[in-house]
Amino acid sequence: MRRIFKYPAKLGHFRVEMPRGAEILAIQVQDGEFVLWARIDESEPPEIRRFALVGTGHDLGHAAQWNYKGTIQDGQFVWHLLAE
């Protein structure tokens, strides 16, 4: 069954377990916490996905070649989500 699930996110580099092939749809702040939403197929086996949430102008580190997935404007701060 295909569904949209939400997963916690955090600043810097982080990992999330989700079904293989999950499609990242959005990242936002909800109730003061960073959250990402993904379209998933529950029949797929789980895998660990690597992400980076970095501020504008910050060093991307080893995520420099990763895929851009979205931007959050959080007051005076702007964060960008990258996925391996």
PDB file of N, CA and C in Angstrom:
ATOM      1  N   MET A   1       0.843  -1.169   0.000  1.00  0.00           N
ATOM      2  CA  MET A   1       0.000   0.000   0.000  1.00  0.00           C
ATOM      3  C   MET A   1       0.891   1.235   0.000  1.00  0.00           C
ATOM      4  N   ARG A   2       0.535   2.214  -0.807  1.00  0.00           N
ATOM      5  CA  ARG A   2       1.286   3.477  -0.878  1.00  0.00           C
ATOM      6  C   ARG A   2       0.623   4.491   0.045  1.00  0.00           C
ATOM      7  N   ARG A   3       1.457   5.207   0.790  1.00  0.00           N
ATOM      8  CA  ARG A   3       0.982   6.194   1.752  1.00  0.00           C
ATOM      9  C   ARG A   3       1.966   7.347   1.808  1.00  0.00           C
ATOM     10  N   ILE A   4       1.589   8.417   2.460  1.00  0.00           N
ATOM     11  CA  ILE A   4       2.508   9.502   2.787  1.00  0.00           C
ATOM     12  C   ILE A   4       2.757   9.426   4.279  1.00  0.00           C
ATOM     13  N   PHE A   5       4.025   9.299   4.651  1.00  0.00           N
ATOM     14  CA  PHE A   5       4.443   9.240   6.057  1.00  0.00           C
ATOM     15  C   PHE A   5       5.299  10.455   6.361  1.00  0.00           C
ATOM     16  N   LYS A   6       5.380  10.815   7.642  1.00  0.00           N
ATOM     17  CA  LYS A   6       6.296  11.878   8.039  1.00  0.00           C
ATOM     18  C   LYS A   6       7.380  11.289   8.924  1.00  0.00           C
ATOM     19  N   TYR A   7       8.538  11.914   8.841  1.00  0.00           N
ATOM     20  CA  TYR A   7       9.728  11.456   9.550  1.00  0.00           C
ATOM     21  C   TYR A   7      10.408  12.655  10.204  1.00  0.00           C
ATOM     22  N   PRO A   8      11.003  12.467  11.379  1.00  0.00           N
ATOM     23  CA  PRO A   8      11.716  13.566  12.019  1.00  0.00           C
ATOM     24  C   PRO A   8      13.006  13.875  11.251  1.00  0.00           C
ATOM     25  N   ALA A   9      13.361  15.150  11.243  1.00  0.00           N
ATOM     26  CA  ALA A   9      14.610  15.597  10.625  1.00  0.00           C
ATOM     27  C   ALA A   9      15.345  16.451  11.653  1.00  0.00           C
ATOM     28  N   LYS A  10      16.642  16.660  11.428  1.00  0.00           N
ATOM     29  CA  LYS A  10      17.402  17.505  12.343  1.00  0.00           C
ATOM     30  C   LYS A  10      18.506  18.217  11.573  1.00  0.00           C
ATOM     31  N   LEU A  11      19.021  19.277  12.162  1.00  0.00           N
ATOM     32  CA  LEU A  11      20.093  20.022  11.531  1.00  0.00           C
ATOM     33  C   LEU A  11      21.340  19.161  11.407  1.00  0.00           C
ATOM     34  N   GLY A  12      22.100  19.409  10.363  1.00  0.00           N
ATOM     35  CA  GLY A  12      23.315  18.647  10.116  1.00  0.00           C
ATOM     36  C   GLY A  12      23.015  17.380   9.349  1.00  0.00           C
ATOM     37  N   HIS A  13      23.878  16.395   9.505  1.00  0.00           N
ATOM     38  CA  HIS A  13      23.720  15.119   8.805  1.00  0.00           C
ATOM     39  C   HIS A  13      22.925  14.170   9.688  1.00  0.00           C
ATOM     40  N   PHE A  14      21.973  13.461   9.070  1.00  0.00           N
ATOM     41  CA  PHE A  14      21.154  12.511   9.830  1.00  0.00           C
ATOM     42  C   PHE A  14      20.704  11.372   8.920  1.00  0.00           C
ATOM     43  N   ARG A  15      20.235  10.313   9.534  1.00  0.00           N
ATOM     44  CA  ARG A  15      19.760   9.116   8.817  1.00  0.00           C
ATOM     45  C   ARG A  15      18.322   8.827   9.213  1.00  0.00           C
ATOM     46  N   VAL A  16      17.576   8.283   8.258  1.00  0.00           N
ATOM     47  CA  VAL A  16      16.181   7.901   8.497  1.00  0.00           C
ATOM     48  C   VAL A  16      15.950   6.536   7.863  1.00  0.00           C
ATOM     49  N   GLU A  17      15.309   5.639   8.610  1.00  0.00           N
ATOM     50  CA  GLU A  17      14.914   4.358   8.032  1.00  0.00           C
ATOM     51  C   GLU A  17      13.535   4.523   7.420  1.00  0.00           C
ATOM     52  N   MET A  18      13.430   4.169   6.146  1.00  0.00           N
ATOM     53  CA  MET A  18      12.150   4.246   5.423  1.00  0.00           C
ATOM     54  C   MET A  18      12.144   3.176   4.352  1.00  0.00           C
ATOM     55  N   PRO A  19      10.979   2.842   3.800  1.00  0.00           N
ATOM     56  CA  PRO A  19      10.933   1.820   2.753  1.00  0.00           C
ATOM     57  C   PRO A  19      11.760   2.226   1.528  1.00  0.00           C
ATOM     58  N   ARG A  20      12.401   1.234   0.924  1.00  0.00           N
ATOM     59  CA  ARG A  20      13.202   1.474  -0.281  1.00  0.00           C
ATOM     60  C   ARG A  20      12.368   2.208  -1.331  1.00  0.00           C
ATOM     61  N   GLY A  21      12.989   3.176  -1.992  1.00  0.00           N
ATOM     62  CA  GLY A  21      12.312   3.917  -3.054  1.00  0.00           C
ATOM     63  C   GLY A  21      11.425   5.050  -2.574  1.00  0.00           C
ATOM     64  N   ALA A  22      11.437   5.352  -1.273  1.00  0.00           N
ATOM     65  CA  ALA A  22      10.596   6.435  -0.754  1.00  0.00           C
ATOM     66  C   ALA A  22      10.924   7.739  -1.481  1.00  0.00           C
ATOM     67  N   GLU A  23       9.895   8.487  -1.830  1.00  0.00           N
ATOM     68  CA  GLU A  23      10.045   9.752  -2.548  1.00  0.00           C
ATOM     69  C   GLU A  23       9.850  10.904  -1.563  1.00  0.00           C
ATOM     70  N   ILE A  24      10.867  11.733  -1.385  1.00  0.00           N
ATOM     71  CA  ILE A  24      10.773  12.884  -0.484  1.00  0.00           C
ATOM     72  C   ILE A  24       9.880  13.929  -1.140  1.00  0.00           C
ATOM     73  N   LEU A  25       8.840  14.348  -0.413  1.00  0.00           N
ATOM     74  CA  LEU A  25       7.863  15.301  -0.942  1.00  0.00           C
ATOM     75  C   LEU A  25       8.055  16.711  -0.403  1.00  0.00           C
ATOM     76  N   ALA A  26       8.402  16.842   0.877  1.00  0.00           N
ATOM     77  CA  ALA A  26       8.503  18.173   1.488  1.00  0.00           C
ATOM     78  C   ALA A  26       9.273  18.091   2.788  1.00  0.00           C
ATOM     79  N   ILE A  27       9.804  19.236   3.186  1.00  0.00           N
ATOM     80  CA  ILE A  27      10.362  19.394   4.523  1.00  0.00           C
ATOM     81  C   ILE A  27       9.864  20.722   5.055  1.00  0.00           C
ATOM     82  N   GLN A  28       9.404  20.730   6.314  1.00  0.00           N
ATOM     83  CA  GLN A  28       8.850  21.928   6.935  1.00  0.00           C
ATOM     84  C   GLN A  28       9.079  21.868   8.434  1.00  0.00           C
ATOM     85  N   VAL A  29       8.710  22.962   9.093  1.00  0.00           N
ATOM     86  CA  VAL A  29       8.707  22.990  10.546  1.00  0.00           C
ATOM     87  C   VAL A  29       7.271  22.745  10.998  1.00  0.00           C
ATOM     88  N   GLN A  30       7.080  21.773  11.888  1.00  0.00           N
ATOM     89  CA  GLN A  30       5.765  21.481  12.444  1.00  0.00           C
ATOM     90  C   GLN A  30       5.904  21.455  13.961  1.00  0.00           C
ATOM     91  N   ASP A  31       5.157  22.295  14.636  1.00  0.00           N
ATOM     92  CA  ASP A  31       5.209  22.382  16.101  1.00  0.00           C
ATOM     93  C   ASP A  31       6.638  22.585  16.606  1.00  0.00           C
ATOM     94  N   GLY A  32       7.401  23.422  15.886  1.00  0.00           N
ATOM     95  CA  GLY A  32       8.760  23.743  16.299  1.00  0.00           C
ATOM     96  C   GLY A  32       9.809  22.701  15.966  1.00  0.00           C
ATOM     97  N   GLU A  33       9.437  21.641  15.264  1.00  0.00           N
ATOM     98  CA  GLU A  33      10.371  20.563  14.915  1.00  0.00           C
ATOM     99  C   GLU A  33      10.485  20.446  13.393  1.00  0.00           C
ATOM    100  N   PHE A  34      11.671  20.067  12.917  1.00  0.00           N
ATOM    101  CA  PHE A  34      11.858  19.798  11.494  1.00  0.00           C
ATOM    102  C   PHE A  34      11.261  18.431  11.165  1.00  0.00           C
ATOM    103  N   VAL A  35      10.466  18.377  10.084  1.00  0.00           N
ATOM    104  CA  VAL A  35       9.793  17.144   9.671  1.00  0.00           C
ATOM    105  C   VAL A  35       9.875  17.027   8.155  1.00  0.00           C
ATOM    106  N   LEU A  36      10.121  15.810   7.663  1.00  0.00           N
ATOM    107  CA  LEU A  36      10.028  15.594   6.218  1.00  0.00           C
ATOM    108  C   LEU A  36       8.920  14.600   5.935  1.00  0.00           C
ATOM    109  N   TRP A  37       8.291  14.766   4.794  1.00  0.00           N
ATOM    110  CA  TRP A  37       7.218  13.879   4.341  1.00  0.00           C
ATOM    111  C   TRP A  37       7.693  13.132   3.117  1.00  0.00           C
ATOM    112  N   ALA A  38       7.321  11.853   3.043  1.00  0.00           N
ATOM    113  CA  ALA A  38       7.722  11.012   1.922  1.00  0.00           C
ATOM    114  C   ALA A  38       6.559  10.128   1.496  1.00  0.00           C
ATOM    115  N   ARG A  39       6.476   9.912   0.184  1.00  0.00           N
ATOM    116  CA  ARG A  39       5.523   8.937  -0.352  1.00  0.00           C
ATOM    117  C   ARG A  39       6.246   7.599  -0.325  1.00  0.00           C
ATOM    118  N   ILE A  40       5.645   6.636   0.349  1.00  0.00           N
ATOM    119  CA  ILE A  40       6.296   5.339   0.537  1.00  0.00           C
ATOM    120  C   ILE A  40       5.395   4.214   0.051  1.00  0.00           C
ATOM    121  N   ASP A  41       6.019   3.090  -0.228  1.00  0.00           N
ATOM    122  CA  ASP A  41       5.306   1.850  -0.538  1.00  0.00           C
ATOM    123  C   ASP A  41       5.618   0.901   0.606  1.00  0.00           C
ATOM    124  N   GLU A  42       4.628   0.627   1.445  1.00  0.00           N
ATOM    125  CA  GLU A  42       4.848  -0.197   2.640  1.00  0.00           C
ATOM    126  C   GLU A  42       5.315  -1.613   2.331  1.00  0.00           C
ATOM    127  N   SER A  43       5.120  -2.081   1.112  1.00  0.00           N
ATOM    128  CA  SER A  43       5.538  -3.440   0.766  1.00  0.00           C
ATOM    129  C   SER A  43       7.041  -3.528   0.497  1.00  0.00           C
ATOM    130  N   GLU A  44       7.708  -2.383   0.353  1.00  0.00           N
ATOM    131  CA  GLU A  44       9.152  -2.381   0.093  1.00  0.00           C
ATOM    132  C   GLU A  44       9.926  -2.608   1.393  1.00  0.00           C
ATOM    133  N   PRO A  45      11.082  -3.257   1.316  1.00  0.00           N
ATOM    134  CA  PRO A  45      11.892  -3.473   2.525  1.00  0.00           C
ATOM    135  C   PRO A  45      12.489  -2.147   3.016  1.00  0.00           C
ATOM    136  N   PRO A  46      12.764  -2.051   4.307  1.00  0.00           N
ATOM    137  CA  PRO A  46      13.331  -0.814   4.840  1.00  0.00           C
ATOM    138  C   PRO A  46      14.793  -0.631   4.427  1.00  0.00           C
ATOM    139  N   GLU A  47      15.195   0.617   4.330  1.00  0.00           N
ATOM    140  CA  GLU A  47      16.590   0.960   4.081  1.00  0.00           C
ATOM    141  C   GLU A  47      16.910   2.236   4.859  1.00  0.00           C
ATOM    142  N   ILE A  48      18.169   2.465   5.109  1.00  0.00           N
ATOM    143  CA  ILE A  48      18.613   3.680   5.774  1.00  0.00           C
ATOM    144  C   ILE A  48      18.946   4.712   4.707  1.00  0.00           C
ATOM    145  N   ARG A  49      18.334   5.889   4.811  1.00  0.00           N
ATOM    146  CA  ARG A  49      18.599   7.001   3.891  1.00  0.00           C
ATOM    147  C   ARG A  49      19.384   8.073   4.623  1.00  0.00           C
ATOM    148  N   ARG A  50      20.344   8.679   3.928  1.00  0.00           N
ATOM    149  CA  ARG A  50      21.168   9.730   4.524  1.00  0.00           C
ATOM    150  C   ARG A  50      20.759  11.097   3.980  1.00  0.00           C
ATOM    151  N   PHE A  51      20.672  12.061   4.899  1.00  0.00           N
ATOM    152  CA  PHE A  51      20.258  13.412   4.577  1.00  0.00           C
ATOM    153  C   PHE A  51      21.192  14.416   5.239  1.00  0.00           C
ATOM    154  N   ALA A  52      21.154  15.641   4.734  1.00  0.00           N
ATOM    155  CA  ALA A  52      21.830  16.759   5.378  1.00  0.00           C
ATOM    156  C   ALA A  52      20.885  17.951   5.343  1.00  0.00           C
ATOM    157  N   LEU A  53      20.743  18.631   6.468  1.00  0.00           N
ATOM    158  CA  LEU A  53      19.948  19.855   6.564  1.00  0.00           C
ATOM    159  C   LEU A  53      20.920  20.954   6.967  1.00  0.00           C
ATOM    160  N   VAL A  54      21.234  21.819   6.010  1.00  0.00           N
ATOM    161  CA  VAL A  54      22.284  22.811   6.216  1.00  0.00           C
ATOM    162  C   VAL A  54      21.767  24.219   5.937  1.00  0.00           C
ATOM    163  N   GLY A  55      22.355  25.179   6.627  1.00  0.00           N
ATOM    164  CA  GLY A  55      21.961  26.568   6.459  1.00  0.00           C
ATOM    165  C   GLY A  55      22.583  27.200   5.227  1.00  0.00           C
ATOM    166  N   THR A  56      21.944  28.238   4.728  1.00  0.00           N
ATOM    167  CA  THR A  56      22.482  29.003   3.612  1.00  0.00           C
ATOM    168  C   THR A  56      23.882  29.496   3.975  1.00  0.00           C
ATOM    169  N   GLY A  57      24.824  29.277   3.085  1.00  0.00           N
ATOM    170  CA  GLY A  57      26.192  29.726   3.287  1.00  0.00           C
ATOM    171  C   GLY A  57      27.054  28.779   4.096  1.00  0.00           C
ATOM    172  N   HIS A  58      26.481  27.725   4.648  1.00  0.00           N
ATOM    173  CA  HIS A  58      27.257  26.768   5.439  1.00  0.00           C
ATOM    174  C   HIS A  58      27.953  25.757   4.530  1.00  0.00           C
ATOM    175  N   ASP A  59      29.037  25.172   5.029  1.00  0.00           N
ATOM    176  CA  ASP A  59      29.772  24.140   4.305  1.00  0.00           C
ATOM    177  C   ASP A  59      28.897  22.892   4.174  1.00  0.00           C
ATOM    178  N   LEU A  60      28.777  22.366   2.967  1.00  0.00           N
ATOM    179  CA  LEU A  60      27.959  21.173   2.729  1.00  0.00           C
ATOM    180  C   LEU A  60      28.680  19.889   3.111  1.00  0.00           C
ATOM    181  N   GLY A  61      29.978  19.957   3.291  1.00  0.00           N
ATOM    182  CA  GLY A  61      30.734  18.764   3.662  1.00  0.00           C
ATOM    183  C   GLY A  61      30.588  17.677   2.615  1.00  0.00           C
ATOM    184  N   HIS A  62      30.484  16.414   3.071  1.00  0.00           N
ATOM    185  CA  HIS A  62      30.402  15.297   2.122  1.00  0.00           C
ATOM    186  C   HIS A  62      29.064  15.231   1.390  1.00  0.00           C
ATOM    187  N   ALA A  63      28.114  16.113   1.728  1.00  0.00           N
ATOM    188  CA  ALA A  63      26.813  16.140   1.033  1.00  0.00           C
ATOM    189  C   ALA A  63      26.817  17.076  -0.175  1.00  0.00           C
ATOM    190  N   ALA A  64      27.980  17.622  -0.524  1.00  0.00           N
ATOM    191  CA  ALA A  64      28.053  18.614  -1.600  1.00  0.00           C
ATOM    192  C   ALA A  64      27.503  18.109  -2.931  1.00  0.00           C
ATOM    193  N   GLN A  65      27.581  16.813  -3.186  1.00  0.00           N
ATOM    194  CA  GLN A  65      27.107  16.257  -4.460  1.00  0.00           C
ATOM    195  C   GLN A  65      25.743  15.581  -4.344  1.00  0.00           C
ATOM    196  N   TRP A  66      25.121  15.667  -3.178  1.00  0.00           N
ATOM    197  CA  TRP A  66      23.823  15.027  -2.976  1.00  0.00           C
ATOM    198  C   TRP A  66      22.722  15.810  -3.688  1.00  0.00           C
ATOM    199  N   ASN A  67      21.526  15.236  -3.755  1.00  0.00           N
ATOM    200  CA  ASN A  67      20.385  15.841  -4.451  1.00  0.00           C
ATOM    201  C   ASN A  67      19.623  16.799  -3.542  1.00  0.00           C
ATOM    202  N   TYR A  68      19.313  17.956  -4.077  1.00  0.00           N
ATOM    203  CA  TYR A  68      18.511  18.951  -3.367  1.00  0.00           C
ATOM    204  C   TYR A  68      17.073  18.461  -3.269  1.00  0.00           C
ATOM    205  N   LYS A  69      16.461  18.577  -2.072  1.00  0.00           N
ATOM    206  CA  LYS A  69      15.093  18.108  -1.867  1.00  0.00           C
ATOM    207  C   LYS A  69      14.134  19.186  -1.370  1.00  0.00           C
ATOM    208  N   GLY A  70      14.641  20.307  -0.855  1.00  0.00           N
ATOM    209  CA  GLY A  70      13.718  21.331  -0.392  1.00  0.00           C
ATOM    210  C   GLY A  70      14.395  22.352   0.496  1.00  0.00           C
ATOM    211  N   THR A  71      13.661  23.427   0.775  1.00  0.00           N
ATOM    212  CA  THR A  71      14.133  24.534   1.600  1.00  0.00           C
ATOM    213  C   THR A  71      13.093  24.872   2.649  1.00  0.00           C
ATOM    214  N   ILE A  72      13.570  25.217   3.845  1.00  0.00           N
ATOM    215  CA  ILE A  72      12.710  25.673   4.940  1.00  0.00           C
ATOM    216  C   ILE A  72      13.103  27.103   5.262  1.00  0.00           C
ATOM    217  N   GLN A  73      12.124  27.996   5.347  1.00  0.00           N
ATOM    218  CA  GLN A  73      12.352  29.334   5.881  1.00  0.00           C
ATOM    219  C   GLN A  73      11.772  29.337   7.287  1.00  0.00           C
ATOM    220  N   ASP A  74      12.667  29.484   8.265  1.00  0.00           N
ATOM    221  CA  ASP A  74      12.293  29.394   9.678  1.00  0.00           C
ATOM    222  C   ASP A  74      12.702  30.697  10.357  1.00  0.00           C
ATOM    223  N   GLY A  75      11.805  31.699  10.293  1.00  0.00           N
ATOM    224  CA  GLY A  75      12.138  33.005  10.839  1.00  0.00           C
ATOM    225  C   GLY A  75      13.283  33.616  10.057  1.00  0.00           C
ATOM    226  N   GLN A  76      14.352  33.972  10.754  1.00  0.00           N
ATOM    227  CA  GLN A  76      15.497  34.574  10.072  1.00  0.00           C
ATOM    228  C   GLN A  76      16.433  33.547   9.459  1.00  0.00           C
ATOM    229  N   PHE A  77      16.190  32.263   9.684  1.00  0.00           N
ATOM    230  CA  PHE A  77      17.059  31.203   9.185  1.00  0.00           C
ATOM    231  C   PHE A  77      16.456  30.527   7.956  1.00  0.00           C
ATOM    232  N   VAL A  78      17.331  30.077   7.055  1.00  0.00           N
ATOM    233  CA  VAL A  78      16.912  29.329   5.869  1.00  0.00           C
ATOM    234  C   VAL A  78      17.773  28.072   5.805  1.00  0.00           C
ATOM    235  N   TRP A  79      17.101  26.910   5.721  1.00  0.00           N
ATOM    236  CA  TRP A  79      17.751  25.600   5.732  1.00  0.00           C
ATOM    237  C   TRP A  79      17.446  24.868   4.440  1.00  0.00           C
ATOM    238  N   HIS A  80      18.376  24.030   4.000  1.00  0.00           N
ATOM    239  CA  HIS A  80      18.231  23.305   2.734  1.00  0.00           C
ATOM    240  C   HIS A  80      18.450  21.811   2.985  1.00  0.00           C
ATOM    241  N   LEU A  81      17.541  20.997   2.456  1.00  0.00           N
ATOM    242  CA  LEU A  81      17.618  19.543   2.624  1.00  0.00           C
ATOM    243  C   LEU A  81      18.272  18.927   1.397  1.00  0.00           C
ATOM    244  N   LEU A  82      19.305  18.112   1.647  1.00  0.00           N
ATOM    245  CA  LEU A  82      19.975  17.348   0.606  1.00  0.00           C
ATOM    246  C   LEU A  82      19.862  15.868   0.957  1.00  0.00           C
ATOM    247  N   ALA A  83      19.750  15.028  -0.071  1.00  0.00           N
ATOM    248  CA  ALA A  83      19.641  13.584   0.137  1.00  0.00           C
ATOM    249  C   ALA A  83      20.665  12.872  -0.723  1.00  0.00           C
ATOM    250  N   GLU A  84      21.244  11.818  -0.145  1.00  0.00           N
ATOM    251  CA  GLU A  84      22.233  11.033  -0.876  1.00  0.00           C
ATOM    252  C   GLU A  84      21.576  10.302  -2.030  1.00  0.00           C
TER     253      GLU A  84
END
